[in-house]
C-alpha atoms as a PDB file:
ATOM      1  CA  MET A   1      -5.518   2.110 -15.314  1.00  0.00           C
ATOM      2  CA  HIS A   2      -5.921  -1.725 -15.160  1.00  0.00           C
ATOM      3  CA  THR A   3      -8.709  -3.623 -16.456  1.00  0.00           C
ATOM      4  CA  ASP A   4     -11.121  -5.442 -14.184  1.00  0.00           C
ATOM      5  CA  GLU A   5      -9.719  -8.879 -15.139  1.00  0.00           C
ATOM      6  CA  GLU A   6      -6.105  -7.677 -14.040  1.00  0.00           C
ATOM      7  CA  ILE A   7      -7.505  -6.619 -10.750  1.00  0.00           C
ATOM      8  CA  LYS A   8      -9.728  -9.623 -10.087  1.00  0.00           C
ATOM      9  CA  LYS A   9      -6.782 -11.833 -10.856  1.00  0.00           C
ATOM     10  CA  GLU A  10      -4.566 -10.390  -8.207  1.00  0.00           C
ATOM     11  CA  GLY A  11      -7.745 -10.193  -5.724  1.00  0.00           C
ATOM     12  CA  PHE A  12      -8.187 -14.043  -6.389  1.00  0.00           C
ATOM     13  CA  ARG A  13      -4.480 -14.484  -5.896  1.00  0.00           C
ATOM     14  CA  GLN A  14      -4.576 -13.013  -2.532  1.00  0.00           C
ATOM     15  CA  LEU A  15      -7.602 -14.863  -1.644  1.00  0.00           C
ATOM     16  CA  SER A  16      -6.074 -18.087  -2.408  1.00  0.00           C
ATOM     17  CA  GLU A  17      -3.123 -17.378   0.019  1.00  0.00           C
ATOM     18  CA  MET A  18      -5.554 -17.420   2.736  1.00  0.00           C
ATOM     19  CA  THR A  19      -6.220 -20.645   4.751  1.00  0.00           C
ATOM     20  CA  PRO A  20      -9.782 -22.308   4.914  1.00  0.00           C
ATOM     21  CA  ALA A  21      -9.619 -21.800   8.736  1.00  0.00           C
ATOM     22  CA  GLU A  22      -9.042 -17.909   8.251  1.00  0.00           C
ATOM     23  CA  LEU A  23     -12.005 -17.844   5.572  1.00  0.00           C
ATOM     24  CA  GLU A  24     -14.330 -20.301   7.438  1.00  0.00           C
ATOM     25  CA  THR A  25     -16.566 -17.761   9.075  1.00  0.00           C
ATOM     26  CA  LEU A  26     -16.172 -15.081   6.680  1.00  0.00           C
ATOM     27  CA  THR A  27     -19.062 -14.036   4.226  1.00  0.00           C
ATOM     28  CA  GLU A  28     -17.315 -11.052   2.825  1.00  0.00           C
ATOM     29  CA  ILE A  29     -13.849  -9.779   2.647  1.00  0.00           C
ATOM     30  CA  ASP A  30     -11.886  -6.921   0.924  1.00  0.00           C
ATOM     31  CA  PHE A  31      -8.227  -6.629  -0.243  1.00  0.00           C
ATOM     32  CA  GLU A  32      -6.071  -3.576  -1.370  1.00  0.00           C
ATOM     33  CA  VAL A  33      -4.499  -4.418  -4.620  1.00  0.00           C
ATOM     34  CA  VAL A  34      -1.417  -2.762  -5.908  1.00  0.00           C
ATOM     35  CA  LEU A  35      -0.639  -3.161  -9.664  1.00  0.00           C
ATOM     36  CA  GLN A  36       2.437  -1.633 -11.293  1.00  0.00           C
ATOM     37  CA  LYS A  37       1.911   0.783 -14.162  1.00  0.00           C
ATOM     38  CA  ASN A  38       4.048   0.830 -17.399  1.00  0.00           C
ATOM     39  CA  ASP A  39       5.749   3.973 -16.282  1.00  0.00           C
ATOM     40  CA  GLY A  40       6.996   2.297 -13.074  1.00  0.00           C
ATOM     41  CA  GLY A  41       4.520   3.671 -10.595  1.00  0.00           C
ATOM     42  CA  SER A  42       1.766   1.645  -8.942  1.00  0.00           C
ATOM     43  CA  GLU A  43      -2.078   2.034  -8.706  1.00  0.00           C
ATOM     44  CA  ARG A  44      -4.136   0.948  -5.641  1.00  0.00           C
ATOM     45  CA  TYR A  45      -7.433  -0.747  -5.871  1.00  0.00           C
ATOM     46  CA  THR A  46      -9.884  -2.054  -3.351  1.00  0.00           C
ATOM     47  CA  ILE A  47     -11.770  -5.349  -4.175  1.00  0.00           C
ATOM     48  CA  PHE A  48     -14.639  -6.449  -2.301  1.00  0.00           C
ATOM     49  CA  PHE A  49     -15.475 -10.146  -2.332  1.00  0.00           C
ATOM     50  CA  GLU A  50     -18.664 -11.751  -1.218  1.00  0.00           C
ATOM     51  CA  ARG A  51     -19.383 -15.559  -0.608  1.00  0.00           C
ATOM     52  CA  GLY A  52     -22.458 -17.159  -1.825  1.00  0.00           C
ATOM     53  CA  PHE A  53     -23.777 -20.574  -0.888  1.00  0.00           C
ATOM     54  CA  ALA A  54     -25.428 -23.009  -3.373  1.00  0.00           C
ATOM     55  CA  ASP A  55     -25.986 -26.730  -3.324  1.00  0.00           C
ATOM     56  CA  GLU A  56     -23.898 -26.918  -0.200  1.00  0.00           C
ATOM     57  CA  LYS A  57     -20.944 -25.299  -1.940  1.00  0.00           C
ATOM     58  CA  SER A  58     -19.540 -21.796  -1.295  1.00  0.00           C
ATOM     59  CA  GLU A  59     -17.848 -19.673  -3.856  1.00  0.00           C
ATOM     60  CA  TRP A  60     -16.411 -16.176  -3.720  1.00  0.00           C
ATOM     61  CA  THR A  61     -17.471 -13.498  -6.090  1.00  0.00           C
ATOM     62  CA  VAL A  62     -16.316 -10.035  -6.691  1.00  0.00           C
ATOM     63  CA  ARG A  63     -18.735  -7.638  -5.448  1.00  0.00           C
ATOM     64  CA  ASN A  64     -17.044  -4.335  -6.116  1.00  0.00           C
ATOM     65  CA  ILE A  65     -13.875  -2.759  -7.317  1.00  0.00           C
ATOM     66  CA  ILE A  66     -12.999   0.619  -6.023  1.00  0.00           C
ATOM     67  CA  ARG A  67     -10.715   2.622  -8.600  1.00  0.00           C
ATOM     68  CA  PRO A  68      -8.835   5.569  -7.625  1.00  0.00           C
ATOM     69  CA  ASP A  69      -9.855   7.673 -10.635  1.00  0.00           C
ATOM     70  CA  LYS A  70     -13.489   6.883  -9.504  1.00  0.00           C
ATOM     71  CA  LEU A  71     -13.230   8.480  -6.034  1.00  0.00           C
ATOM     72  CA  GLN A  72     -14.857  11.863  -5.597  1.00  0.00           C
ATOM     73  CA  ASP A  73     -13.448  14.615  -3.541  1.00  0.00           C
ATOM     74  CA  PRO A  74     -15.477  15.300  -0.549  1.00  0.00           C
ATOM     75  CA  GLU A  75     -18.010  18.164  -0.339  1.00  0.00           C
ATOM     76  CA  PRO A  76     -16.688  21.403   1.279  1.00  0.00           C
ATOM     77  CA  LYS A  77     -17.420  21.442   5.063  1.00  0.00           C
ATOM     78  CA  ASN A  78     -19.180  24.517   6.787  1.00  0.00           C
ATOM     79  CA  ASN A  79     -17.283  24.979   9.990  1.00  0.00           C
ATOM     80  CA  ASP A  80     -19.995  26.756  11.825  1.00  0.00           C
ATOM     81  CA  THR A  81     -22.374  23.622  11.698  1.00  0.00           C
ATOM     82  CA  ILE A  82     -22.154  20.207  13.379  1.00  0.00           C
ATOM     83  CA  GLU A  83     -22.896  17.267  10.973  1.00  0.00           C
END
């Protein structure tokens, strides 16, 4: 697993590749971040950004990081009921 800082760094790198015109109307955005593991494999994370406004400036902050090891399996479904 990678640290939050490694994931944030890659997320901010992807965010910096977007043009101001692309970001102009957005207040939140998410990216899929793929980082290489030491064994040659890779791990995928989803990072959510939120734009805050203060003193006529805006700044992107990380709202949440979804890690694959924290995802839970869905509850078993009962096929005889409608959800």
